[in-house]
């Protein structure tokens, strides 16, 4: 945070520092995002496991299916966000997806 604040106020070599730090900034941001998606997935699995362990939710009940599809949707959304951040040209995304 301090490095970002100082690079904002110091006008000397701002451009060079920003160009050097940009790949690391993108990597750390995507890594943090992937960890947050993994945390959300783990929370869904933990909640469902505890509810099934207590016998409140059956294995193939509608609640289990909702949690499973919510987890799949969260994983797909996370993958699409990371793909969009990695592909700098929007036409690359369409090419990878197959459109």
C-alpha atoms as a PDB file:
ATOM      1  CA  UNK A   1       0.000   0.000   0.000  1.00  0.00           C
ATOM      2  CA  UNK A   2       2.807   2.377   0.901  1.00  0.00           C
ATOM      3  CA  UNK A   3       4.644   1.602  -2.352  1.00  0.00           C
ATOM      4  CA  UNK A   4       1.494   2.347  -4.344  1.00  0.00           C
ATOM      5  CA  UNK A   5       0.912   5.589  -2.478  1.00  0.00           C
ATOM      6  CA  UNK A   6       4.502   6.733  -2.960  1.00  0.00           C
ATOM      7  CA  UNK A   7       4.495   5.847  -6.664  1.00  0.00           C
ATOM      8  CA  UNK A   8       1.312   7.861  -7.085  1.00  0.00           C
ATOM      9  CA  UNK A   9       2.775  10.994  -5.493  1.00  0.00           C
ATOM     10  CA  UNK A  10       6.332  10.675  -6.798  1.00  0.00           C
ATOM     11  CA  UNK A  11       6.343  11.746 -10.441  1.00  0.00           C
ATOM     12  CA  UNK A  12       9.954  10.763 -11.180  1.00  0.00           C
ATOM     13  CA  UNK A  13       9.924   7.243 -12.585  1.00  0.00           C
ATOM     14  CA  UNK A  14       6.250   6.470 -12.281  1.00  0.00           C
ATOM     15  CA  UNK A  15       5.894   5.075 -15.800  1.00  0.00           C
ATOM     16  CA  UNK A  16       8.859   2.708 -15.503  1.00  0.00           C
ATOM     17  CA  UNK A  17       7.794   1.443 -12.114  1.00  0.00           C
ATOM     18  CA  UNK A  18       4.206   0.912 -13.228  1.00  0.00           C
ATOM     19  CA  UNK A  19       5.308  -1.040 -16.296  1.00  0.00           C
ATOM     20  CA  UNK A  20       7.592  -3.193 -14.129  1.00  0.00           C
ATOM     21  CA  UNK A  21       5.000  -3.817 -11.406  1.00  0.00           C
ATOM     22  CA  UNK A  22       1.976  -4.434 -13.680  1.00  0.00           C
ATOM     23  CA  UNK A  23       2.570  -8.203 -14.283  1.00  0.00           C
ATOM     24  CA  UNK A  24       3.036  -8.771 -10.552  1.00  0.00           C
ATOM     25  CA  UNK A  25      -0.048  -6.712  -9.792  1.00  0.00           C
ATOM     26  CA  UNK A  26      -2.125  -8.799 -12.209  1.00  0.00           C
ATOM     27  CA  UNK A  27      -0.700 -12.058 -10.829  1.00  0.00           C
ATOM     28  CA  UNK A  28      -1.363 -11.159  -7.188  1.00  0.00           C
ATOM     29  CA  UNK A  29      -4.872  -9.929  -8.032  1.00  0.00           C
ATOM     30  CA  UNK A  30      -5.798 -13.095  -9.928  1.00  0.00           C
ATOM     31  CA  UNK A  31      -4.232 -15.268  -7.236  1.00  0.00           C
ATOM     32  CA  UNK A  32      -6.288 -13.495  -4.558  1.00  0.00           C
ATOM     33  CA  UNK A  33      -9.429 -13.857  -6.664  1.00  0.00           C
ATOM     34  CA  UNK A  34      -8.787 -17.589  -7.178  1.00  0.00           C
ATOM     35  CA  UNK A  35      -8.274 -18.022  -3.444  1.00  0.00           C
ATOM     36  CA  UNK A  36     -11.552 -16.254  -2.712  1.00  0.00           C
ATOM     37  CA  UNK A  37     -13.403 -18.525  -5.171  1.00  0.00           C
ATOM     38  CA  UNK A  38     -11.768 -21.563  -3.544  1.00  0.00           C
ATOM     39  CA  UNK A  39     -12.822 -20.261  -0.111  1.00  0.00           C
ATOM     40  CA  UNK A  40     -16.417 -19.839  -1.275  1.00  0.00           C
ATOM     41  CA  UNK A  41     -16.420 -23.366  -2.730  1.00  0.00           C
ATOM     42  CA  UNK A  42     -15.015 -24.783   0.493  1.00  0.00           C
ATOM     43  CA  UNK A  43     -17.664 -22.939   2.519  1.00  0.00           C
ATOM     44  CA  UNK A  44     -20.449 -24.386   0.375  1.00  0.00           C
ATOM     45  CA  UNK A  45     -19.059 -27.888   0.716  1.00  0.00           C
ATOM     46  CA  UNK A  46     -18.545 -27.536   4.453  1.00  0.00           C
ATOM     47  CA  UNK A  47     -22.083 -26.276   5.064  1.00  0.00           C
ATOM     48  CA  UNK A  48     -23.606 -29.052   2.982  1.00  0.00           C
ATOM     49  CA  UNK A  49     -21.436 -31.690   4.665  1.00  0.00           C
ATOM     50  CA  UNK A  50     -22.469 -30.538   8.143  1.00  0.00           C
ATOM     51  CA  UNK A  51     -26.152 -30.461   7.199  1.00  0.00           C
ATOM     52  CA  UNK A  52     -25.923 -33.962   5.713  1.00  0.00           C
ATOM     53  CA  UNK A  53     -24.013 -35.218   8.748  1.00  0.00           C
ATOM     54  CA  UNK A  54     -26.785 -34.067  11.078  1.00  0.00           C
ATOM     55  CA  UNK A  55     -29.408 -35.666   8.856  1.00  0.00           C
ATOM     56  CA  UNK A  56     -31.121 -32.362   8.050  1.00  0.00           C
ATOM     57  CA  UNK A  57     -30.445 -32.646   4.311  1.00  0.00           C
ATOM     58  CA  UNK A  58     -30.501 -35.880   2.371  1.00  0.00           C
ATOM     59  CA  UNK A  59     -27.808 -36.805  -0.145  1.00  0.00           C
ATOM     60  CA  UNK A  60     -29.947 -36.381  -3.291  1.00  0.00           C
ATOM     61  CA  UNK A  61     -32.356 -33.767  -2.013  1.00  0.00           C
ATOM     62  CA  UNK A  62     -33.214 -30.580  -3.918  1.00  0.00           C
ATOM     63  CA  UNK A  63     -31.131 -28.558  -1.449  1.00  0.00           C
ATOM     64  CA  UNK A  64     -28.075 -30.646  -2.304  1.00  0.00           C
ATOM     65  CA  UNK A  65     -28.645 -30.100  -5.998  1.00  0.00           C
ATOM     66  CA  UNK A  66     -28.978 -26.340  -5.488  1.00  0.00           C
ATOM     67  CA  UNK A  67     -25.684 -26.216  -3.589  1.00  0.00           C
ATOM     68  CA  UNK A  68     -23.963 -28.376  -6.216  1.00  0.00           C
ATOM     69  CA  UNK A  69     -25.163 -26.225  -9.115  1.00  0.00           C
ATOM     70  CA  UNK A  70     -24.275 -23.093  -7.174  1.00  0.00           C
ATOM     71  CA  UNK A  71     -20.750 -24.460  -6.769  1.00  0.00           C
ATOM     72  CA  UNK A  72     -20.495 -25.322 -10.450  1.00  0.00           C
ATOM     73  CA  UNK A  73     -21.746 -21.885 -11.441  1.00  0.00           C
ATOM     74  CA  UNK A  74     -19.285 -20.222  -9.096  1.00  0.00           C
ATOM     75  CA  UNK A  75     -16.426 -22.255 -10.561  1.00  0.00           C
ATOM     76  CA  UNK A  76     -17.420 -21.403 -14.131  1.00  0.00           C
ATOM     77  CA  UNK A  77     -17.798 -17.718 -13.308  1.00  0.00           C
ATOM     78  CA  UNK A  78     -14.399 -17.698 -11.630  1.00  0.00           C
ATOM     79  CA  UNK A  79     -12.804 -19.373 -14.630  1.00  0.00           C
ATOM     80  CA  UNK A  80     -14.418 -16.901 -17.042  1.00  0.00           C
ATOM     81  CA  UNK A  81     -13.250 -13.915 -14.993  1.00  0.00           C
ATOM     82  CA  UNK A  82      -9.683 -15.229 -14.912  1.00  0.00           C
ATOM     83  CA  UNK A  83      -9.836 -15.991 -18.639  1.00  0.00           C
ATOM     84  CA  UNK A  84     -11.083 -12.485 -19.374  1.00  0.00           C
ATOM     85  CA  UNK A  85      -8.296 -10.971 -17.289  1.00  0.00           C
ATOM     86  CA  UNK A  86      -5.580 -13.081 -18.912  1.00  0.00           C
ATOM     87  CA  UNK A  87      -6.732 -12.545 -22.505  1.00  0.00           C
ATOM     88  CA  UNK A  88      -5.891  -8.952 -23.328  1.00  0.00           C
ATOM     89  CA  UNK A  89      -7.717  -8.929 -26.660  1.00  0.00           C
ATOM     90  CA  UNK A  90     -11.493  -9.632 -26.508  1.00  0.00           C
ATOM     91  CA  UNK A  91     -11.306 -11.572 -29.789  1.00  0.00           C
ATOM     92  CA  UNK A  92      -9.000 -14.075 -28.084  1.00  0.00           C
ATOM     93  CA  UNK A  93     -11.776 -14.951 -25.631  1.00  0.00           C
ATOM     94  CA  UNK A  94     -14.243 -15.586 -28.445  1.00  0.00           C
ATOM     95  CA  UNK A  95     -11.668 -17.774 -30.182  1.00  0.00           C
ATOM     96  CA  UNK A  96     -11.018 -19.834 -27.021  1.00  0.00           C
ATOM     97  CA  UNK A  97     -14.715 -20.259 -26.195  1.00  0.00           C
ATOM     98  CA  UNK A  98     -15.456 -21.238 -29.788  1.00  0.00           C
ATOM     99  CA  UNK A  99     -17.634 -18.421 -31.061  1.00  0.00           C
END
